[in-house]
Amino acid sequence: MQSYPIGMILPVPGSGRLVLFEAYPTRDGIHREIWGREVFLFDAGNRPVWQIAPEPGATDDMHRNFDATRPATDTFSAITNIDELF
């Protein structure tokens, strides 16, 4: 079983908690297997409810056009809770 360092946890009232795993745990290390898929909602029993999956073709910078044939390479850097909206 693989484990990943946690970057951020936010409680979601009535649902559990959002967890952002680090896709870049160190300067020289990248967890490509979760890159762009590292945000999960866990229930109160620590079971995964869902995981964000990026749109196919998402790019890792703003200099390329969207391409649905490219695998996603964006990473999530933060989750924000503003007035209970994430």
C-alpha atoms as a PDB file:
ATOM      1  CA  MET A   1       0.000   0.000   0.000  1.00  0.00           C
ATOM      2  CA  GLN A   2       1.337   3.423  -0.989  1.00  0.00           C
ATOM      3  CA  SER A   3       1.209   6.405   1.368  1.00  0.00           C
ATOM      4  CA  TYR A   4       1.560  10.092   0.615  1.00  0.00           C
ATOM      5  CA  PRO A   5       2.376  13.104   2.805  1.00  0.00           C
ATOM      6  CA  ILE A   6      -0.617  15.292   3.685  1.00  0.00           C
ATOM      7  CA  GLY A   7      -0.415  18.945   2.680  1.00  0.00           C
ATOM      8  CA  MET A   8      -3.707  20.220   4.084  1.00  0.00           C
ATOM      9  CA  ILE A   9      -6.845  19.014   5.888  1.00  0.00           C
ATOM     10  CA  LEU A  10     -10.109  20.963   6.066  1.00  0.00           C
ATOM     11  CA  PRO A  11     -13.190  19.795   7.976  1.00  0.00           C
ATOM     12  CA  VAL A  12     -16.408  19.642   5.941  1.00  0.00           C
ATOM     13  CA  PRO A  13     -19.330  19.940   8.373  1.00  0.00           C
ATOM     14  CA  GLY A  14     -21.657  16.960   8.033  1.00  0.00           C
ATOM     15  CA  SER A  15     -19.476  15.237   5.429  1.00  0.00           C
ATOM     16  CA  GLY A  16     -16.013  14.535   6.841  1.00  0.00           C
ATOM     17  CA  ARG A  17     -12.838  16.253   5.742  1.00  0.00           C
ATOM     18  CA  LEU A  18     -11.080  17.307   2.582  1.00  0.00           C
ATOM     19  CA  VAL A  19      -7.488  16.133   2.353  1.00  0.00           C
ATOM     20  CA  LEU A  20      -4.860  17.466  -0.028  1.00  0.00           C
ATOM     21  CA  PHE A  21      -1.969  15.044  -0.454  1.00  0.00           C
ATOM     22  CA  GLU A  22       1.403  16.391  -1.557  1.00  0.00           C
ATOM     23  CA  ALA A  23       2.241  15.561  -5.157  1.00  0.00           C
ATOM     24  CA  TYR A  24       5.651  17.231  -4.595  1.00  0.00           C
ATOM     25  CA  PRO A  25       6.822  15.866  -1.228  1.00  0.00           C
ATOM     26  CA  THR A  26      10.389  17.058  -1.764  1.00  0.00           C
ATOM     27  CA  ARG A  27      12.172  19.214  -4.280  1.00  0.00           C
ATOM     28  CA  ASP A  28      13.352  16.176  -6.221  1.00  0.00           C
ATOM     29  CA  GLY A  29      10.326  13.940  -5.653  1.00  0.00           C
ATOM     30  CA  ILE A  30       7.051  13.972  -7.550  1.00  0.00           C
ATOM     31  CA  HIS A  31       4.211  11.509  -6.953  1.00  0.00           C
ATOM     32  CA  ARG A  32       3.108  11.364 -10.587  1.00  0.00           C
ATOM     33  CA  GLU A  33       0.582   8.611  -9.859  1.00  0.00           C
ATOM     34  CA  ILE A  34      -1.557  11.119  -7.903  1.00  0.00           C
ATOM     35  CA  TRP A  35      -0.484  14.282  -9.726  1.00  0.00           C
ATOM     36  CA  GLY A  36      -3.682  16.208 -10.431  1.00  0.00           C
ATOM     37  CA  ARG A  37      -5.738  13.702  -8.429  1.00  0.00           C
ATOM     38  CA  GLU A  38      -4.553  14.445  -4.895  1.00  0.00           C
ATOM     39  CA  VAL A  39      -7.730  15.913  -3.343  1.00  0.00           C
ATOM     40  CA  PHE A  40      -9.998  13.489  -1.448  1.00  0.00           C
ATOM     41  CA  LEU A  41     -13.089  13.712   0.732  1.00  0.00           C
ATOM     42  CA  PHE A  42     -12.917  11.267   3.658  1.00  0.00           C
ATOM     43  CA  ASP A  43     -15.904  10.426   5.847  1.00  0.00           C
ATOM     44  CA  ALA A  44     -15.845  10.327   9.665  1.00  0.00           C
ATOM     45  CA  GLY A  45     -14.526   6.740   9.519  1.00  0.00           C
ATOM     46  CA  ASN A  46     -11.569   7.795   7.325  1.00  0.00           C
ATOM     47  CA  ARG A  47     -13.015   6.049   4.272  1.00  0.00           C
ATOM     48  CA  PRO A  48     -12.583   7.843   0.932  1.00  0.00           C
ATOM     49  CA  VAL A  49     -15.901   9.165  -0.382  1.00  0.00           C
ATOM     50  CA  TRP A  50     -14.572  10.727  -3.582  1.00  0.00           C
ATOM     51  CA  GLN A  51     -11.397  11.928  -5.227  1.00  0.00           C
ATOM     52  CA  ILE A  52     -11.084  14.863  -7.593  1.00  0.00           C
ATOM     53  CA  ALA A  53     -10.127  13.783 -11.091  1.00  0.00           C
ATOM     54  CA  PRO A  54      -8.856  16.530 -13.426  1.00  0.00           C
ATOM     55  CA  GLU A  55     -10.263  17.112 -16.845  1.00  0.00           C
ATOM     56  CA  PRO A  56      -8.390  15.137 -19.512  1.00  0.00           C
ATOM     57  CA  GLY A  57      -5.932  17.400 -21.277  1.00  0.00           C
ATOM     58  CA  ALA A  58      -5.422  19.821 -18.408  1.00  0.00           C
ATOM     59  CA  THR A  59      -2.065  21.538 -18.781  1.00  0.00           C
ATOM     60  CA  ASP A  60       0.669  22.322 -16.284  1.00  0.00           C
ATOM     61  CA  ASP A  61       1.041  25.912 -17.441  1.00  0.00           C
ATOM     62  CA  MET A  62      -0.900  28.577 -19.319  1.00  0.00           C
ATOM     63  CA  HIS A  63       1.239  28.430 -22.456  1.00  0.00           C
ATOM     64  CA  ARG A  64      -0.380  25.455 -24.162  1.00  0.00           C
ATOM     65  CA  ASN A  65      -3.851  24.999 -25.548  1.00  0.00           C
ATOM     66  CA  PHE A  66      -6.210  22.443 -24.053  1.00  0.00           C
ATOM     67  CA  ASP A  67      -5.583  18.982 -25.498  1.00  0.00           C
ATOM     68  CA  ALA A  68      -7.998  16.190 -24.538  1.00  0.00           C
ATOM     69  CA  THR A  69      -5.450  13.539 -25.589  1.00  0.00           C
ATOM     70  CA  ARG A  70      -2.836  14.679 -23.035  1.00  0.00           C
ATOM     71  CA  PRO A  71      -2.936  13.216 -19.532  1.00  0.00           C
ATOM     72  CA  ALA A  72      -3.556  15.789 -16.817  1.00  0.00           C
ATOM     73  CA  THR A  73      -0.455  17.307 -15.231  1.00  0.00           C
ATOM     74  CA  ASP A  74      -1.914  20.038 -13.002  1.00  0.00           C
ATOM     75  CA  THR A  75      -1.394  19.753  -9.268  1.00  0.00           C
ATOM     76  CA  PHE A  76      -3.683  21.203  -6.652  1.00  0.00           C
ATOM     77  CA  SER A  77      -1.877  23.620  -4.360  1.00  0.00           C
ATOM     78  CA  ALA A  78      -4.581  24.545  -1.866  1.00  0.00           C
ATOM     79  CA  ILE A  79      -8.147  24.078  -0.732  1.00  0.00           C
ATOM     80  CA  THR A  80      -9.991  27.103   0.649  1.00  0.00           C
ATOM     81  CA  ASN A  81     -13.113  27.268   2.821  1.00  0.00           C
ATOM     82  CA  ILE A  82     -14.995  30.562   2.493  1.00  0.00           C
ATOM     83  CA  ASP A  83     -18.397  30.641   4.200  1.00  0.00           C
ATOM     84  CA  GLU A  84     -18.541  26.824   4.115  1.00  0.00           C
ATOM     85  CA  LEU A  85     -17.906  26.759   0.353  1.00  0.00           C
ATOM     86  CA  PHE A  86     -14.770  25.012  -0.889  1.00  0.00           C
END
